[in-house]
């Protein structure tokens, strides 16, 4: 893989992403692929329009929030869900409960593996009193400044696996094209290739984390992208990115970049039909002091302590249950003093607690359940299990 430039300050993202016009004329186009591990969270900006394509898994909340803040995003014109897998849809719940304004919620019209009333996008939009707009092949969204998002898939329902119902969109702009593919696997890819679309693009978001069930040589050649972005973590999902996928893309003349090689994520700039990439690192001191003091499965509580000598602002911090997949976001203004203890209780807690995790039976009583404390940049501060 070719080397990519590195940007050390998160605050530089706003300057890089901002700007109302590109040097070659027309609206600027930027894509920020957040490093959410094995998952997807893409922040797309075309002129003044900003959309979020997938929201990562719940535990990636800190990374996505920090990226949105660093980019200076105060409103999302659109949120897209490519399909219902948790590493794409899991972050929708915290996003819907946040104070980030969202104009529109979009999802593919075809899906499987989840009942309508439990569809993550329906649940997220409902928290805002809004409805989901369903997309399928042939739909198009006109963006301010003349760009268009054309929906290439899904064209038909694949009942065996929701990856193959992924929302596939081509961004067409006066700066060039981006092909955004969700977790499309070979069956949906074959259907897409059979449609005869012109898939040539400057930027390709590689399907399904660059796994070996994606990106045939025919597809890589059809796209002939300048840059291909793979969003994965090889420790979370061994074998990704698949060497065969990388070889097929590079054989088509494509530079391959991977989110795990950037601290915060990859910033892709599209200008004059060409794409450039910068890796953006997290520039923030590590957090010291807060730790998980106790996880009590009997009373369903998690206690935090502060071994440091200074107050710790827990705004943007979160607790995540590995077993249950539940996420708790600390309220803004929550402060943990030196030597103090703060207890998070649930609707199953009988004893005293300081903060309510509005859920029940969060701590598993029978099986090992590890809780992670994340800081406001999505970094793991501490972990502790339930002793089972």
Protein backbone atom coordinates (compact mmCIF):
# COMPACT_ATOMS: atom_id res chain seq x y z
CA UNK A 1 0.00 0.00 0.00
CA UNK A 2 1.24 3.47 -0.81
CA UNK A 3 2.10 5.85 1.99
CA UNK A 4 -0.36 8.61 2.87
CA UNK A 5 0.18 12.05 4.33
CA UNK A 6 -0.43 12.55 8.03
CA UNK A 7 -2.13 15.46 9.77
CA UNK A 8 -1.41 15.67 13.50
CA UNK A 9 -4.04 18.10 14.81
CA UNK A 10 -7.73 17.23 14.91
CA UNK A 11 -8.54 20.92 14.69
CA UNK A 12 -7.02 20.96 11.22
CA UNK A 13 -9.88 18.81 9.94
CA UNK A 14 -12.29 21.73 10.09
CA UNK A 15 -9.98 23.89 8.00
CA UNK A 16 -9.38 21.07 5.52
CA UNK A 17 -13.03 20.10 5.27
CA UNK A 18 -14.36 23.64 5.23
CA UNK A 19 -14.45 26.18 2.49
CA UNK A 20 -17.33 27.04 0.21
CA UNK A 21 -15.51 26.40 -3.06
CA UNK A 22 -12.69 24.40 -4.57
CA UNK A 23 -9.76 25.91 -6.37
CA UNK A 24 -10.82 24.41 -9.69
CA UNK A 25 -14.31 25.89 -9.42
CA UNK A 26 -17.56 24.50 -8.03
CA UNK A 27 -18.43 23.11 -4.64
CA UNK A 28 -15.79 21.37 -2.56
CA UNK A 29 -16.21 17.65 -1.90
CA UNK A 30 -14.72 15.96 1.16
CA UNK A 31 -15.15 12.54 2.75
CA UNK A 32 -13.99 11.79 6.28
CA UNK A 33 -13.85 8.04 7.04
CA UNK A 34 -13.85 7.84 10.83
CA UNK A 35 -11.66 5.14 12.33
CA UNK A 36 -14.37 3.19 14.13
CA UNK A 37 -12.53 -0.11 13.98
CA UNK A 38 -14.35 -2.80 12.02
CA UNK A 39 -17.39 -0.73 11.03
CA UNK A 40 -18.40 2.26 8.96
CA UNK A 41 -18.99 5.92 9.76
CA UNK A 42 -18.45 8.31 6.85
CA UNK A 43 -18.93 12.07 7.01
CA UNK A 44 -19.57 13.43 3.52
CA UNK A 45 -19.52 17.14 2.66
CA UNK A 46 -20.52 18.56 -0.72
CA UNK A 47 -20.46 22.33 -0.56
CA UNK A 48 -22.47 23.30 2.52
CA UNK A 49 -24.35 19.99 2.61
CA UNK A 50 -23.23 17.44 5.23
CA UNK A 51 -24.35 13.83 5.52
CA UNK A 52 -23.42 10.92 7.77
CA UNK A 53 -23.33 7.52 6.08
CA UNK A 54 -23.61 4.89 8.83
CA UNK A 55 -22.84 5.56 12.48
CA UNK A 56 -20.51 2.74 13.50
CA UNK A 57 -21.14 0.42 16.41
CA UNK A 58 -22.31 1.80 19.78
CA UNK A 59 -18.84 1.75 21.34
CA UNK A 60 -17.54 4.02 18.55
CA UNK A 61 -19.64 6.93 19.82
CA UNK A 62 -16.63 8.90 21.09
CA UNK A 63 -14.81 8.68 17.75
CA UNK A 64 -17.83 9.77 15.71
CA UNK A 65 -18.73 12.59 18.11
CA UNK A 66 -15.14 13.82 18.21
CA UNK A 67 -14.92 13.74 14.41
CA UNK A 68 -18.17 15.68 13.99
CA UNK A 69 -16.98 18.22 16.55
CA UNK A 70 -13.54 18.51 14.97
CA UNK A 71 -15.14 19.01 11.58
CA UNK A 72 -17.28 21.80 12.96
CA UNK A 73 -20.49 19.97 12.02
CA UNK A 74 -23.44 21.56 13.81
CA UNK A 75 -26.21 19.99 11.71
CA UNK A 76 -26.56 16.90 9.57
CA UNK A 77 -28.62 17.43 6.44
CA UNK A 78 -28.96 13.67 6.11
CA UNK A 79 -28.16 10.42 7.87
CA UNK A 80 -27.94 7.28 5.72
CA UNK A 81 -27.98 3.69 6.91
CA UNK A 82 -26.56 1.31 4.33
CA UNK A 83 -27.91 -1.84 6.04
CA UNK A 84 -28.88 -3.13 9.47
CA UNK A 85 -25.61 -4.68 10.75
CA UNK A 86 -24.69 -3.37 14.19
CA UNK A 87 -21.27 -2.07 13.14
CA UNK A 88 -23.10 0.35 10.83
CA UNK A 89 -26.39 0.88 12.67
CA UNK A 90 -25.41 0.57 16.35
CA UNK A 91 -24.50 4.24 16.71
CA UNK A 92 -27.88 5.50 15.52
CA UNK A 93 -29.40 5.30 19.00
CA UNK A 94 -26.97 7.69 20.68
CA UNK A 95 -27.06 9.97 17.64
CA UNK A 96 -30.86 10.18 17.77
CA UNK A 97 -30.69 10.95 21.49
CA UNK A 98 -28.05 13.64 21.01
CA UNK A 99 -28.71 17.32 20.33
CA UNK A 100 -27.34 17.10 16.76
CA UNK A 101 -30.07 18.34 14.36
CA UNK A 102 -30.86 15.89 11.54
CA UNK A 103 -32.99 16.93 8.56
CA UNK A 104 -33.53 13.55 6.89
CA UNK A 105 -33.12 9.84 7.68
CA UNK A 106 -32.54 7.44 4.75
CA UNK A 107 -32.30 3.66 4.53
CA UNK A 108 -32.53 0.98 1.81
CA UNK A 109 -36.07 -0.07 0.89
CA UNK A 110 -35.01 -3.74 0.93
CA UNK A 111 -33.81 -5.36 4.15
CA UNK A 112 -33.90 -8.68 5.97
CA UNK A 113 -33.08 -10.11 9.38
CA UNK A 114 -35.02 -7.52 11.35
CA UNK A 115 -38.72 -6.82 11.84
CA UNK A 116 -40.02 -3.46 10.69
CA UNK A 117 -40.83 -2.23 14.20
CA UNK A 118 -37.27 -3.08 15.30
CA UNK A 119 -35.52 -1.57 12.28
CA UNK A 120 -32.72 0.61 13.74
CA UNK A 121 -33.42 3.52 11.40
CA UNK A 122 -37.14 3.52 12.18
CA UNK A 123 -36.35 3.55 15.90
CA UNK A 124 -33.80 6.35 15.53
CA UNK A 125 -36.05 8.59 13.42
CA UNK A 126 -38.99 7.95 15.75
CA UNK A 127 -36.99 9.35 18.68
CA UNK A 128 -36.97 12.64 16.75
CA UNK A 129 -40.62 12.37 15.68
CA UNK A 130 -39.45 11.90 12.10
CA UNK A 131 -39.99 9.24 9.45
CA UNK A 132 -37.53 7.22 7.37
CA UNK A 133 -37.24 7.84 3.65
CA UNK A 134 -36.65 4.54 1.82
CA UNK A 135 -34.25 4.38 -1.10
CA UNK A 136 -33.75 1.91 -3.94
CA UNK A 137 -32.21 1.77 -7.37
CA UNK A 138 -33.34 4.67 -9.57
CA UNK A 139 -33.74 7.19 -6.76
CA UNK A 140 -31.60 10.32 -6.72
CA UNK A 141 -31.01 13.12 -4.24
CA UNK A 142 -30.09 16.57 -5.55
CA UNK A 143 -27.67 18.34 -3.23
CA UNK A 144 -27.02 22.08 -2.99
CA UNK A 145 -24.31 23.23 -5.38
CA UNK A 146 -25.26 20.84 -8.15
CA UNK A 147 -24.03 17.50 -6.77
CA UNK A 148 -26.26 14.43 -6.96
CA UNK A 149 -26.39 11.20 -4.99
CA UNK A 150 -27.65 8.47 -7.33
CA UNK A 151 -28.89 5.23 -5.78
CA UNK A 152 -27.54 2.23 -7.70
CA UNK A 153 -28.66 -0.49 -5.27
CA UNK A 154 -30.52 -2.26 -3.81
CA UNK A 155 -32.44 -3.26 -6.91
CA UNK A 156 -33.97 -6.43 -5.49
CA UNK A 157 -34.25 -8.19 -2.13
CA UNK A 158 -31.58 -10.68 -1.07
CA UNK A 159 -33.20 -12.67 1.73
CA UNK A 160 -30.15 -14.63 2.88
CA UNK A 161 -27.93 -11.79 4.09
CA UNK A 162 -28.57 -8.09 4.62
CA UNK A 163 -25.07 -7.17 3.43
CA UNK A 164 -26.42 -7.79 -0.08
CA UNK A 165 -29.23 -5.29 0.44
CA UNK A 166 -26.69 -2.55 1.08
CA UNK A 167 -27.42 0.97 -0.06
CA UNK A 168 -24.98 1.72 -2.89
CA UNK A 169 -24.73 5.35 -4.01
CA UNK A 170 -22.68 7.27 -6.53
CA UNK A 171 -21.92 10.88 -5.66
CA UNK A 172 -21.66 12.86 -8.88
CA UNK A 173 -20.23 16.36 -8.65
CA UNK A 174 -18.28 18.86 -10.72
CA UNK A 175 -15.19 17.72 -8.79
CA UNK A 176 -15.60 14.04 -9.65
CA UNK A 177 -17.38 10.94 -8.44
CA UNK A 178 -17.41 8.80 -5.29
CA UNK A 179 -18.84 5.27 -5.13
CA UNK A 180 -20.17 4.38 -1.68
CA UNK A 181 -20.96 0.70 -1.25
CA UNK A 182 -21.90 -0.26 2.33
CA UNK A 183 -21.22 -3.97 2.89
CA UNK A 184 -22.14 -5.13 -0.63
CA UNK A 185 -20.89 -8.68 -1.19
CA UNK A 186 -20.33 -10.56 -4.45
CA UNK A 187 -24.03 -11.40 -5.15
CA UNK A 188 -25.13 -7.75 -4.98
CA UNK A 189 -21.96 -6.73 -6.80
CA UNK A 190 -22.79 -9.14 -9.65
CA UNK A 191 -26.29 -7.70 -9.90
CA UNK A 192 -24.86 -4.18 -9.96
CA UNK A 193 -22.34 -5.06 -12.67
CA UNK A 194 -25.15 -6.61 -14.68
CA UNK A 195 -27.00 -3.29 -14.73
CA UNK A 196 -24.34 -1.84 -17.03
CA UNK A 197 -23.81 1.37 -15.04
CA UNK A 198 -20.69 3.45 -15.54
CA UNK A 199 -18.97 2.76 -12.19
CA UNK A 200 -15.79 4.74 -12.88
CA UNK A 201 -14.99 6.98 -9.94
CA UNK A 202 -12.18 8.87 -8.28
CA UNK A 203 -12.99 7.49 -4.82
CA UNK A 204 -14.30 4.04 -3.88
CA UNK A 205 -15.47 3.10 -0.40
CA UNK A 206 -14.56 -0.59 -0.53
CA UNK A 207 -17.45 -2.92 0.43
CA UNK A 208 -17.60 -4.99 3.61
CA UNK A 209 -14.34 -3.87 5.19
CA UNK A 210 -12.28 -5.35 2.37
CA UNK A 211 -13.28 -8.92 3.21
CA UNK A 212 -12.61 -11.74 0.77
CA UNK A 213 -16.29 -11.95 -0.25
CA UNK A 214 -16.14 -8.60 -2.05
CA UNK A 215 -14.45 -6.66 -4.84
CA UNK A 216 -13.90 -8.96 -7.78
CA UNK A 217 -11.29 -8.07 -10.40
CA UNK A 218 -14.14 -7.12 -12.73
CA UNK A 219 -15.59 -4.70 -10.17
CA UNK A 220 -12.19 -3.19 -9.31
CA UNK A 221 -11.56 -2.58 -13.02
CA UNK A 222 -15.07 -1.18 -13.57
CA UNK A 223 -14.54 1.35 -10.77
CA UNK A 224 -10.89 2.12 -11.68
CA UNK A 225 -10.79 4.41 -8.66
CA UNK A 226 -7.83 6.64 -7.90
CA UNK A 227 -8.26 5.98 -4.17
CA UNK A 228 -10.03 3.13 -2.36
CA UNK A 229 -10.89 3.50 1.34
CA UNK A 230 -11.24 0.37 3.49
CA UNK A 231 -12.83 0.84 6.92
CA UNK A 232 -11.67 -1.97 9.19
CA UNK A 233 -9.49 -3.15 12.05
CA UNK A 234 -7.56 -6.35 11.38
CA UNK A 235 -7.53 -7.23 15.09
CA UNK A 236 -11.31 -6.99 15.31
CA UNK A 237 -11.80 -8.85 12.04
CA UNK A 238 -8.72 -10.89 11.14
CA UNK A 239 -8.09 -11.24 7.46
CA UNK A 240 -9.28 -7.75 6.62
CA UNK A 241 -8.28 -6.12 4.48
CA UNK A 242 -8.00 -9.27 2.42
CA UNK A 243 -4.69 -9.32 0.47
CA UNK A 244 -6.52 -10.49 -2.64
CA UNK A 245 -8.87 -7.51 -2.50
CA UNK A 246 -5.90 -5.14 -2.13
CA UNK A 247 -4.06 -6.80 -5.04
CA UNK A 248 -7.10 -6.59 -7.33
CA UNK A 249 -7.60 -2.91 -6.54
CA UNK A 250 -3.94 -2.07 -7.02
CA UNK A 251 -3.92 -4.00 -10.31
CA UNK A 252 -6.66 -1.61 -11.45
CA UNK A 253 -4.37 1.35 -10.67
CA UNK A 254 -5.99 2.19 -7.34
CA UNK A 255 -4.23 3.46 -4.21
CA UNK A 256 -5.60 1.59 -1.16
CA UNK A 257 -5.84 3.24 2.27
CA UNK A 258 -7.19 1.74 5.51
CA UNK A 259 -8.79 3.57 8.43
CA UNK A 260 -6.87 1.56 11.04
CA UNK A 261 -3.71 3.34 9.85
CA UNK A 262 -5.08 6.70 11.05
CA UNK A 263 -5.75 7.71 14.65
CA UNK A 264 -9.01 9.55 14.06
CA UNK A 265 -9.66 8.73 10.41
CA UNK A 266 -8.93 9.43 6.75
CA UNK A 267 -9.76 12.71 5.05
CA UNK A 268 -10.32 12.34 1.31
CA UNK A 269 -10.49 15.47 -0.84
CA UNK A 270 -11.98 15.29 -4.33
CA UNK A 271 -10.96 18.04 -6.70
CA UNK A 272 -10.88 18.21 -10.47
CA UNK A 273 -11.50 14.49 -10.73
CA UNK A 274 -8.48 13.65 -8.56
CA UNK A 275 -8.44 12.43 -4.96
CA UNK A 276 -5.93 13.11 -2.19
CA UNK A 277 -5.87 11.48 1.24
CA UNK A 278 -4.61 12.64 4.61
CA UNK A 279 -4.52 10.56 7.79
CA UNK A 280 -5.74 12.53 10.81
CA UNK A 281 -4.40 11.56 14.21
CA UNK A 282 -5.82 12.30 17.64
CA UNK A 283 -3.86 15.07 19.29
CA UNK A 284 -5.05 15.02 22.89
CA UNK A 285 -3.30 13.99 26.11
CA UNK A 286 -4.27 10.60 27.55
CA UNK A 287 -6.82 10.67 30.32
CA UNK A 288 -5.52 9.86 33.79
CA UNK A 289 -7.48 9.32 36.97
CA UNK A 290 -10.87 7.79 36.15
CA UNK A 291 -11.27 4.04 36.41
CA UNK A 292 -14.02 1.45 36.83
CA UNK A 293 -14.02 0.68 40.55
CA UNK A 294 -16.73 -1.98 40.60
CA UNK A 295 -19.20 -3.86 38.42
CA UNK A 296 -22.00 -5.34 40.53
CA UNK A 297 -24.18 -7.89 38.71
CA UNK A 298 -26.45 -8.40 41.73
CA UNK A 299 -27.55 -4.76 42.04
CA UNK A 300 -26.89 -3.90 38.36
CA UNK A 301 -24.51 -1.01 39.05
CA UNK A 302 -21.16 0.22 37.73
CA UNK A 303 -19.02 2.42 39.98
CA UNK A 304 -16.30 4.80 38.80
CA UNK A 305 -13.46 6.21 40.83
CA UNK A 306 -10.87 8.95 40.31
CA UNK A 307 -7.32 8.16 41.44
CA UNK A 308 -5.98 11.44 40.06
CA UNK A 309 -5.44 14.81 41.71
CA UNK A 310 -7.77 16.85 39.47
CA UNK A 311 -11.43 16.91 38.53
CA UNK A 312 -12.30 14.90 35.42
CA UNK A 313 -15.06 16.15 33.13
CA UNK A 314 -16.89 13.04 31.90
CA UNK A 315 -18.83 14.90 29.20
CA UNK A 316 -18.60 12.76 26.07
CA UNK A 317 -17.38 9.71 28.01
CA UNK A 318 -19.30 6.45 27.77
CA UNK A 319 -19.67 3.01 29.33
CA UNK A 320 -20.13 0.00 27.09
CA UNK A 321 -21.20 -3.54 27.96
CA UNK A 322 -19.37 -6.03 25.79
CA UNK A 323 -21.85 -8.84 26.50
CA UNK A 324 -25.09 -6.94 26.03
CA UNK A 325 -23.88 -4.32 23.55
CA UNK A 326 -25.49 -1.54 25.60
CA UNK A 327 -24.02 1.96 25.71
CA UNK A 328 -24.36 4.66 28.36
CA UNK A 329 -23.31 8.22 27.54
CA UNK A 330 -22.47 10.41 30.52
CA UNK A 331 -24.54 13.61 30.65
CA UNK A 332 -22.83 16.88 29.76
CA UNK A 333 -21.29 18.51 32.83
CA UNK A 334 -20.72 15.28 34.77
CA UNK A 335 -17.60 15.80 36.91
CA UNK A 336 -15.71 13.19 38.93
CA UNK A 337 -13.68 14.70 41.76
CA UNK A 338 -10.36 13.30 43.04
CA UNK A 339 -10.92 10.40 45.39
CA UNK A 340 -14.65 10.42 44.71
CA UNK A 341 -16.85 7.56 43.56
CA UNK A 342 -19.72 7.86 41.10
CA UNK A 343 -22.25 5.05 40.74
CA UNK A 344 -24.31 4.40 37.63
CA UNK A 345 -27.49 2.47 38.35
CA UNK A 346 -30.24 1.07 36.14
CA UNK A 347 -33.96 0.42 36.28
CA UNK A 348 -33.07 -2.89 37.94
CA UNK A 349 -31.06 -1.27 40.75
CA UNK A 350 -32.47 -1.40 44.29
CA UNK A 351 -29.71 0.51 46.04
CA UNK A 352 -28.51 4.08 45.77
CA UNK A 353 -26.84 5.48 42.66
CA UNK A 354 -25.81 8.85 41.24
CA UNK A 355 -26.72 8.51 37.56
CA UNK A 356 -29.43 6.46 35.86
CA UNK A 357 -28.66 4.20 32.91
CA UNK A 358 -32.21 4.10 31.56
CA UNK A 359 -32.25 0.37 30.91
CA UNK A 360 -32.60 -2.78 32.97
CA UNK A 361 -30.52 -5.90 33.55
CA UNK A 362 -27.47 -4.26 32.01
CA UNK A 363 -24.87 -6.30 33.92
CA UNK A 364 -25.09 -9.98 33.01
CA UNK A 365 -25.53 -12.15 36.12
CA UNK A 366 -24.53 -15.50 34.66
CA UNK A 367 -21.85 -14.94 32.06
CA UNK A 368 -18.69 -12.84 31.92
CA UNK A 369 -19.57 -9.27 31.00
CA UNK A 370 -16.76 -6.77 30.46
CA UNK A 371 -17.44 -3.04 30.75
CA UNK A 372 -15.30 -0.47 28.97
CA UNK A 373 -14.91 3.18 29.89
CA UNK A 374 -14.30 5.32 26.79
CA UNK A 375 -13.15 8.92 26.79
CA UNK A 376 -14.53 11.67 24.56
CA UNK A 377 -12.17 10.64 21.73
CA UNK A 378 -13.36 7.04 21.82
CA UNK A 379 -10.19 5.76 23.49
CA UNK A 380 -10.45 3.01 26.11
CA UNK A 381 -9.62 4.45 29.54
CA UNK A 382 -10.31 1.34 31.62
CA UNK A 383 -12.13 -1.98 31.63
CA UNK A 384 -13.50 -4.34 34.26
CA UNK A 385 -15.65 -7.45 34.18
CA UNK A 386 -18.50 -8.59 36.40
CA UNK A 387 -16.50 -11.33 38.09
CA UNK A 388 -18.57 -14.14 36.60
